[in-house]
Amino acid sequence: MNDSLPLRDIHLPEPIGWWPPAMGWWLLIILLPLLGYVLWRLFKILTRKTAVKTARKLLRELRQNTELDELQKLQQLSALMRRVAISTASRQEAAALTGKQWLDYLDRAFPDAPFSQGIGHYLAQAQYQKQLPKDLDLDALFNLCEQWIKKQR
């Protein structure tokens, strides 16, 4: 009875090509670099906060250190400020600065230029001095450096 039906053989669909990729692959292509960027920024933020916290701790320890004389404190304060600048900014931006350029870099955080025109100018030549300047108020310099470190984000 059904012998007269014209039946054809089973046709398989064409194999699926690799192009265009499925929607999930497009999302992966977009999200992986985005995730990498977010993780990199998070790492930068966390290490910057750690550098600032460590710098504040080292500043307190340096200020309270009774074994050092005032000239040694001034020299170590200058070195600490340089280390903080390199840690919070890029090395290319802060490491090679000396003299007036270094003080101008430190003044960026303040509107009234306390480093180049105020007490902070002692930091520029601190490593090269043989004796402590007579008009230096070391407590005021420590306070200024502490304010600068707090402003580093």
N, C-alpha and C. Protein backbone atom coordinates (compact mmCIF):
# COMPACT_ATOMS: atom_id res chain seq x y z
N MET A 1 0.79 -1.18 0.00
CA MET A 1 0.00 0.00 0.00
C MET A 1 0.85 1.27 0.00
N ASN A 2 1.90 1.37 0.81
CA ASN A 2 2.77 2.54 0.84
C ASN A 2 4.01 2.35 -0.04
N ASP A 3 4.00 1.38 -0.86
CA ASP A 3 5.17 1.12 -1.69
C ASP A 3 5.37 2.16 -2.77
N SER A 4 4.39 2.91 -3.05
CA SER A 4 4.49 3.84 -4.15
C SER A 4 4.92 5.26 -3.72
N LEU A 5 5.22 5.47 -2.44
CA LEU A 5 5.63 6.79 -1.98
C LEU A 5 7.07 7.08 -2.42
N PRO A 6 7.32 8.29 -2.93
CA PRO A 6 8.69 8.62 -3.36
C PRO A 6 9.54 9.11 -2.17
N LEU A 7 10.17 8.28 -1.47
CA LEU A 7 10.99 8.64 -0.30
C LEU A 7 12.43 8.90 -0.72
N ARG A 8 13.01 9.87 -0.08
CA ARG A 8 14.41 10.17 -0.34
C ARG A 8 15.25 9.73 0.85
N ASP A 9 16.52 9.63 0.64
CA ASP A 9 17.43 9.23 1.70
C ASP A 9 17.55 10.38 2.71
N ILE A 10 18.01 10.08 3.94
CA ILE A 10 18.17 11.08 4.99
C ILE A 10 19.28 12.05 4.58
N HIS A 11 18.97 13.36 4.71
CA HIS A 11 19.96 14.40 4.41
C HIS A 11 20.48 14.98 5.71
N LEU A 12 21.77 14.93 5.92
CA LEU A 12 22.39 15.52 7.10
C LEU A 12 22.64 17.01 6.86
N PRO A 13 22.53 17.84 7.94
CA PRO A 13 22.81 19.27 7.75
C PRO A 13 24.29 19.50 7.46
N GLU A 14 24.58 20.66 6.90
CA GLU A 14 25.96 21.03 6.61
C GLU A 14 26.74 21.13 7.92
N PRO A 15 28.00 20.79 7.96
CA PRO A 15 28.78 20.95 9.19
C PRO A 15 28.87 22.44 9.57
N ILE A 16 28.89 22.68 10.86
CA ILE A 16 28.94 24.05 11.36
C ILE A 16 30.35 24.60 11.16
N GLY A 17 30.45 25.78 10.58
CA GLY A 17 31.75 26.41 10.32
C GLY A 17 32.24 27.16 11.56
N TRP A 18 33.49 27.51 11.53
CA TRP A 18 34.06 28.22 12.68
C TRP A 18 33.78 29.71 12.60
N TRP A 19 33.39 30.19 11.45
CA TRP A 19 33.09 31.62 11.31
C TRP A 19 31.66 31.80 10.87
N PRO A 20 30.95 32.69 11.44
CA PRO A 20 31.23 33.60 12.54
C PRO A 20 31.12 32.89 13.88
N PRO A 21 31.90 33.31 14.84
CA PRO A 21 31.85 32.66 16.15
C PRO A 21 30.50 32.92 16.83
N ALA A 22 30.22 32.05 17.76
CA ALA A 22 28.98 32.19 18.52
C ALA A 22 29.07 33.41 19.44
N MET A 23 27.93 33.84 19.96
CA MET A 23 27.87 35.04 20.79
C MET A 23 28.77 34.93 22.03
N GLY A 24 28.87 33.76 22.61
CA GLY A 24 29.70 33.56 23.79
C GLY A 24 31.17 33.85 23.52
N TRP A 25 31.66 33.50 22.32
CA TRP A 25 33.05 33.79 21.97
C TRP A 25 33.28 35.29 21.82
N TRP A 26 32.29 36.00 21.24
CA TRP A 26 32.42 37.45 21.13
C TRP A 26 32.49 38.09 22.51
N LEU A 27 31.65 37.63 23.42
CA LEU A 27 31.68 38.16 24.79
C LEU A 27 33.02 37.87 25.45
N LEU A 28 33.54 36.69 25.23
CA LEU A 28 34.83 36.32 25.81
C LEU A 28 35.95 37.20 25.24
N ILE A 29 35.91 37.47 23.96
CA ILE A 29 36.93 38.32 23.32
C ILE A 29 36.89 39.73 23.91
N ILE A 30 35.71 40.20 24.23
CA ILE A 30 35.57 41.55 24.79
C ILE A 30 35.87 41.57 26.28
N LEU A 31 35.39 40.58 27.02
CA LEU A 31 35.51 40.61 28.47
C LEU A 31 36.89 40.26 29.00
N LEU A 32 37.66 39.44 28.32
CA LEU A 32 38.99 39.08 28.81
C LEU A 32 39.93 40.29 28.89
N PRO A 33 40.06 41.09 27.85
CA PRO A 33 40.90 42.29 28.00
C PRO A 33 40.34 43.26 29.03
N LEU A 34 39.03 43.38 29.09
CA LEU A 34 38.42 44.26 30.08
C LEU A 34 38.72 43.77 31.50
N LEU A 35 38.63 42.48 31.71
CA LEU A 35 38.96 41.91 33.01
C LEU A 35 40.43 42.12 33.34
N GLY A 36 41.30 41.95 32.36
CA GLY A 36 42.72 42.19 32.58
C GLY A 36 42.99 43.62 32.98
N TYR A 37 42.34 44.57 32.32
CA TYR A 37 42.52 45.98 32.66
C TYR A 37 42.03 46.29 34.06
N VAL A 38 40.87 45.76 34.42
CA VAL A 38 40.31 45.99 35.76
C VAL A 38 41.24 45.41 36.83
N LEU A 39 41.75 44.22 36.60
CA LEU A 39 42.67 43.61 37.57
C LEU A 39 43.97 44.41 37.68
N TRP A 40 44.48 44.91 36.57
CA TRP A 40 45.69 45.74 36.59
C TRP A 40 45.45 47.02 37.38
N ARG A 41 44.32 47.70 37.16
CA ARG A 41 44.00 48.93 37.89
C ARG A 41 43.83 48.64 39.38
N LEU A 42 43.18 47.54 39.71
CA LEU A 42 43.00 47.16 41.11
C LEU A 42 44.35 46.92 41.76
N PHE A 43 45.24 46.25 41.07
CA PHE A 43 46.59 46.02 41.59
C PHE A 43 47.31 47.33 41.83
N LYS A 44 47.22 48.27 40.87
CA LYS A 44 47.86 49.57 41.03
C LYS A 44 47.30 50.33 42.23
N ILE A 45 45.99 50.29 42.40
CA ILE A 45 45.36 51.00 43.53
C ILE A 45 45.79 50.39 44.85
N LEU A 46 45.78 49.07 44.93
CA LEU A 46 46.15 48.41 46.19
C LEU A 46 47.62 48.62 46.53
N THR A 47 48.50 48.56 45.54
CA THR A 47 49.91 48.77 45.85
C THR A 47 50.19 50.22 46.19
N ARG A 48 49.46 51.14 45.58
CA ARG A 48 49.66 52.55 45.90
C ARG A 48 49.23 52.82 47.34
N LYS A 49 48.09 52.25 47.74
CA LYS A 49 47.65 52.44 49.12
C LYS A 49 48.64 51.82 50.09
N THR A 50 49.17 50.68 49.73
CA THR A 50 50.15 50.03 50.59
C THR A 50 51.41 50.89 50.69
N ALA A 51 51.83 51.48 49.58
CA ALA A 51 53.03 52.33 49.60
C ALA A 51 52.81 53.55 50.49
N VAL A 52 51.63 54.13 50.43
CA VAL A 52 51.35 55.32 51.25
C VAL A 52 51.28 54.94 52.72
N LYS A 53 50.64 53.82 53.03
CA LYS A 53 50.57 53.37 54.43
C LYS A 53 51.96 53.10 54.98
N THR A 54 52.77 52.42 54.20
CA THR A 54 54.14 52.12 54.63
C THR A 54 54.95 53.40 54.80
N ALA A 55 54.76 54.34 53.90
CA ALA A 55 55.50 55.61 53.99
C ALA A 55 55.11 56.38 55.24
N ARG A 56 53.83 56.38 55.57
CA ARG A 56 53.40 57.08 56.78
C ARG A 56 53.99 56.42 58.02
N LYS A 57 54.05 55.10 58.00
CA LYS A 57 54.64 54.38 59.13
C LYS A 57 56.13 54.69 59.24
N LEU A 58 56.84 54.66 58.11
CA LEU A 58 58.28 54.96 58.13
C LEU A 58 58.53 56.40 58.55
N LEU A 59 57.67 57.31 58.16
CA LEU A 59 57.81 58.71 58.56
C LEU A 59 57.67 58.87 60.07
N ARG A 60 56.69 58.18 60.65
CA ARG A 60 56.52 58.22 62.11
C ARG A 60 57.74 57.65 62.82
N GLU A 61 58.22 56.52 62.31
CA GLU A 61 59.40 55.90 62.93
C GLU A 61 60.62 56.81 62.82
N LEU A 62 60.80 57.43 61.68
CA LEU A 62 61.94 58.33 61.49
C LEU A 62 61.84 59.53 62.43
N ARG A 63 60.66 60.06 62.58
CA ARG A 63 60.45 61.23 63.44
C ARG A 63 60.75 60.89 64.90
N GLN A 64 60.41 59.68 65.32
CA GLN A 64 60.57 59.28 66.72
C GLN A 64 61.92 58.63 67.01
N ASN A 65 62.73 58.41 66.00
CA ASN A 65 64.02 57.76 66.17
C ASN A 65 64.97 58.70 66.92
N THR A 66 65.40 58.27 68.08
CA THR A 66 66.30 59.10 68.90
C THR A 66 67.77 58.78 68.65
N GLU A 67 68.06 57.72 67.91
CA GLU A 67 69.44 57.34 67.63
C GLU A 67 70.08 58.21 66.55
N LEU A 68 69.25 58.86 65.73
CA LEU A 68 69.76 59.68 64.63
C LEU A 68 69.83 61.14 65.06
N ASP A 69 70.85 61.83 64.56
CA ASP A 69 70.87 63.28 64.79
C ASP A 69 69.97 63.95 63.73
N GLU A 70 69.80 65.25 63.84
CA GLU A 70 68.85 65.95 62.97
C GLU A 70 69.29 65.96 61.51
N LEU A 71 70.59 66.02 61.25
CA LEU A 71 71.08 65.98 59.87
C LEU A 71 70.77 64.63 59.24
N GLN A 72 70.99 63.55 59.98
CA GLN A 72 70.67 62.22 59.46
C GLN A 72 69.16 62.07 59.22
N LYS A 73 68.36 62.65 60.11
CA LYS A 73 66.91 62.61 59.91
C LYS A 73 66.52 63.35 58.64
N LEU A 74 67.14 64.51 58.42
CA LEU A 74 66.86 65.28 57.21
C LEU A 74 67.23 64.48 55.96
N GLN A 75 68.38 63.84 55.98
CA GLN A 75 68.81 63.06 54.83
C GLN A 75 67.91 61.86 54.59
N GLN A 76 67.51 61.19 55.66
CA GLN A 76 66.63 60.04 55.49
C GLN A 76 65.22 60.47 55.10
N LEU A 77 64.80 61.63 55.54
CA LEU A 77 63.50 62.16 55.14
C LEU A 77 63.51 62.46 53.64
N SER A 78 64.58 63.03 53.16
CA SER A 78 64.70 63.31 51.73
C SER A 78 64.64 62.01 50.91
N ALA A 79 65.35 60.99 51.37
CA ALA A 79 65.34 59.70 50.68
C ALA A 79 63.96 59.05 50.74
N LEU A 80 63.29 59.18 51.87
CA LEU A 80 61.95 58.62 52.00
C LEU A 80 60.97 59.30 51.04
N MET A 81 61.07 60.62 50.93
CA MET A 81 60.18 61.33 50.01
C MET A 81 60.42 60.89 48.57
N ARG A 82 61.67 60.66 48.22
CA ARG A 82 61.99 60.18 46.87
C ARG A 82 61.40 58.79 46.65
N ARG A 83 61.53 57.92 47.63
CA ARG A 83 61.00 56.56 47.50
C ARG A 83 59.48 56.57 47.38
N VAL A 84 58.82 57.43 48.13
CA VAL A 84 57.36 57.52 48.05
C VAL A 84 56.94 58.03 46.68
N ALA A 85 57.64 59.03 46.18
CA ALA A 85 57.31 59.57 44.86
C ALA A 85 57.45 58.51 43.78
N ILE A 86 58.50 57.73 43.85
CA ILE A 86 58.72 56.68 42.86
C ILE A 86 57.66 55.58 43.00
N SER A 87 57.24 55.30 44.23
CA SER A 87 56.24 54.25 44.45
C SER A 87 54.84 54.67 44.02
N THR A 88 54.51 55.94 44.19
CA THR A 88 53.14 56.36 43.87
C THR A 88 53.01 56.87 42.44
N ALA A 89 54.06 57.34 41.85
CA ALA A 89 54.03 57.77 40.45
C ALA A 89 54.90 56.81 39.65
N SER A 90 55.03 57.06 38.39
CA SER A 90 55.89 56.19 37.59
C SER A 90 57.35 56.55 37.84
N ARG A 91 58.19 55.59 37.65
CA ARG A 91 59.62 55.79 37.87
C ARG A 91 60.16 56.85 36.91
N GLN A 92 59.70 56.86 35.67
CA GLN A 92 60.17 57.82 34.69
C GLN A 92 59.77 59.24 35.08
N GLU A 93 58.65 59.37 35.77
CA GLU A 93 58.15 60.69 36.12
C GLU A 93 58.91 61.31 37.30
N ALA A 94 59.32 60.50 38.27
CA ALA A 94 59.86 61.06 39.51
C ALA A 94 61.32 60.76 39.78
N ALA A 95 61.85 59.69 39.26
CA ALA A 95 63.18 59.25 39.68
C ALA A 95 64.32 60.16 39.23
N ALA A 96 64.22 60.74 38.07
CA ALA A 96 65.35 61.52 37.54
C ALA A 96 65.31 62.99 37.93
N LEU A 97 64.30 63.40 38.66
CA LEU A 97 64.17 64.82 39.02
C LEU A 97 65.17 65.20 40.11
N THR A 98 65.76 66.37 39.95
CA THR A 98 66.68 66.90 40.94
C THR A 98 66.45 68.38 41.10
N GLY A 99 66.92 68.93 42.20
CA GLY A 99 66.89 70.38 42.42
C GLY A 99 65.52 71.00 42.31
N LYS A 100 65.41 72.04 41.51
CA LYS A 100 64.17 72.79 41.36
C LYS A 100 63.05 71.93 40.76
N GLN A 101 63.40 71.06 39.81
CA GLN A 101 62.39 70.18 39.21
C GLN A 101 61.80 69.24 40.25
N TRP A 102 62.63 68.73 41.14
CA TRP A 102 62.16 67.84 42.21
C TRP A 102 61.21 68.60 43.14
N LEU A 103 61.58 69.80 43.51
CA LEU A 103 60.73 70.60 44.39
C LEU A 103 59.42 70.99 43.69
N ASP A 104 59.49 71.29 42.41
CA ASP A 104 58.27 71.60 41.67
C ASP A 104 57.35 70.38 41.60
N TYR A 105 57.94 69.21 41.46
CA TYR A 105 57.14 67.98 41.46
C TYR A 105 56.42 67.82 42.80
N LEU A 106 57.13 68.05 43.90
CA LEU A 106 56.52 67.94 45.22
C LEU A 106 55.46 69.02 45.43
N ASP A 107 55.65 70.18 44.83
CA ASP A 107 54.68 71.29 44.97
C ASP A 107 53.37 71.05 44.25
N ARG A 108 53.31 70.09 43.36
CA ARG A 108 52.07 69.83 42.62
C ARG A 108 50.89 69.54 43.54
N ALA A 109 51.16 69.00 44.71
CA ALA A 109 50.09 68.64 45.63
C ALA A 109 49.56 69.83 46.42
N PHE A 110 50.25 70.96 46.35
CA PHE A 110 49.88 72.12 47.16
C PHE A 110 49.72 73.36 46.27
N PRO A 111 48.81 74.26 46.63
CA PRO A 111 48.64 75.46 45.82
C PRO A 111 49.68 76.55 46.11
N ASP A 112 50.30 76.52 47.28
CA ASP A 112 51.19 77.63 47.67
C ASP A 112 52.68 77.32 47.57
N ALA A 113 53.07 76.25 46.92
CA ALA A 113 54.47 75.88 46.68
C ALA A 113 55.33 75.87 47.94
N PRO A 114 54.98 75.06 48.96
CA PRO A 114 55.77 75.05 50.19
C PRO A 114 57.12 74.36 50.07
N PHE A 115 57.33 73.62 49.01
CA PHE A 115 58.62 72.96 48.85
C PHE A 115 59.63 73.86 48.16
N SER A 116 59.25 74.47 47.07
CA SER A 116 60.21 75.30 46.35
C SER A 116 60.37 76.69 46.96
N GLN A 117 59.34 77.19 47.65
CA GLN A 117 59.42 78.53 48.21
C GLN A 117 59.34 78.55 49.74
N GLY A 118 59.20 77.38 50.34
CA GLY A 118 59.07 77.33 51.79
C GLY A 118 60.10 76.41 52.42
N ILE A 119 59.68 75.82 53.52
CA ILE A 119 60.58 74.98 54.31
C ILE A 119 61.05 73.73 53.56
N GLY A 120 60.27 73.30 52.59
CA GLY A 120 60.60 72.08 51.87
C GLY A 120 61.82 72.15 50.98
N HIS A 121 62.35 73.35 50.74
CA HIS A 121 63.51 73.46 49.85
C HIS A 121 64.75 72.78 50.43
N TYR A 122 64.75 72.47 51.70
CA TYR A 122 65.90 71.78 52.31
C TYR A 122 66.03 70.34 51.81
N LEU A 123 64.93 69.78 51.30
CA LEU A 123 64.99 68.40 50.82
C LEU A 123 65.83 68.26 49.55
N ALA A 124 65.92 69.31 48.77
CA ALA A 124 66.64 69.22 47.49
C ALA A 124 68.13 68.96 47.68
N GLN A 125 68.73 69.54 48.69
CA GLN A 125 70.17 69.41 48.90
C GLN A 125 70.52 68.63 50.16
N ALA A 126 69.56 67.96 50.76
CA ALA A 126 69.78 67.31 52.05
C ALA A 126 70.88 66.25 52.01
N GLN A 127 70.99 65.51 50.92
CA GLN A 127 71.97 64.43 50.85
C GLN A 127 73.41 64.95 50.77
N TYR A 128 73.57 66.22 50.41
CA TYR A 128 74.90 66.77 50.17
C TYR A 128 75.38 67.69 51.28
N GLN A 129 74.59 67.89 52.30
CA GLN A 129 74.97 68.83 53.35
C GLN A 129 75.82 68.16 54.42
N LYS A 130 76.80 68.89 54.90
CA LYS A 130 77.69 68.38 55.95
C LYS A 130 77.17 68.72 57.34
N GLN A 131 76.40 69.80 57.43
CA GLN A 131 75.83 70.18 58.72
C GLN A 131 74.40 70.68 58.50
N LEU A 132 73.65 70.65 59.56
CA LEU A 132 72.25 71.04 59.52
C LEU A 132 72.13 72.56 59.37
N PRO A 133 71.28 73.04 58.45
CA PRO A 133 71.07 74.49 58.35
C PRO A 133 70.52 75.05 59.66
N LYS A 134 70.97 76.23 60.00
CA LYS A 134 70.60 76.83 61.30
C LYS A 134 69.12 77.21 61.38
N ASP A 135 68.53 77.61 60.26
CA ASP A 135 67.14 78.07 60.30
C ASP A 135 66.14 76.96 59.97
N LEU A 136 66.55 75.71 60.01
CA LEU A 136 65.67 74.60 59.69
C LEU A 136 64.79 74.23 60.88
N ASP A 137 63.48 74.20 60.66
CA ASP A 137 62.52 73.70 61.65
C ASP A 137 62.13 72.29 61.19
N LEU A 138 62.80 71.30 61.78
CA LEU A 138 62.63 69.92 61.33
C LEU A 138 61.20 69.42 61.56
N ASP A 139 60.56 69.85 62.65
CA ASP A 139 59.18 69.43 62.90
C ASP A 139 58.24 69.96 61.82
N ALA A 140 58.43 71.19 61.42
CA ALA A 140 57.59 71.76 60.35
C ALA A 140 57.82 71.01 59.04
N LEU A 141 59.07 70.63 58.77
CA LEU A 141 59.38 69.88 57.56
C LEU A 141 58.73 68.49 57.60
N PHE A 142 58.79 67.84 58.76
CA PHE A 142 58.12 66.55 58.90
C PHE A 142 56.61 66.70 58.68
N ASN A 143 56.02 67.75 59.23
CA ASN A 143 54.58 67.97 59.05
C ASN A 143 54.24 68.19 57.58
N LEU A 144 55.06 68.96 56.89
CA LEU A 144 54.83 69.20 55.47
C LEU A 144 54.94 67.90 54.67
N CYS A 145 55.95 67.10 54.97
CA CYS A 145 56.13 65.83 54.27
C CYS A 145 54.97 64.88 54.57
N GLU A 146 54.49 64.91 55.79
CA GLU A 146 53.35 64.07 56.15
C GLU A 146 52.10 64.50 55.37
N GLN A 147 51.90 65.79 55.23
CA GLN A 147 50.76 66.27 54.43
C GLN A 147 50.91 65.85 52.98
N TRP A 148 52.12 65.92 52.45
CA TRP A 148 52.33 65.53 51.06
C TRP A 148 52.03 64.04 50.87
N ILE A 149 52.48 63.22 51.81
CA ILE A 149 52.24 61.78 51.70
C ILE A 149 50.74 61.48 51.78
N LYS A 150 50.02 62.19 52.64
CA LYS A 150 48.57 61.99 52.74
C LYS A 150 47.86 62.31 51.44
N LYS A 151 48.39 63.26 50.69
CA LYS A 151 47.74 63.68 49.44
C LYS A 151 48.02 62.72 48.28
N GLN A 152 48.92 61.79 48.47
CA GLN A 152 49.23 60.84 47.41
C GLN A 152 48.12 59.80 47.34
N ARG A 153 47.52 59.68 46.20
CA ARG A 153 46.39 58.75 46.01
C ARG A 153 46.72 57.75 44.94
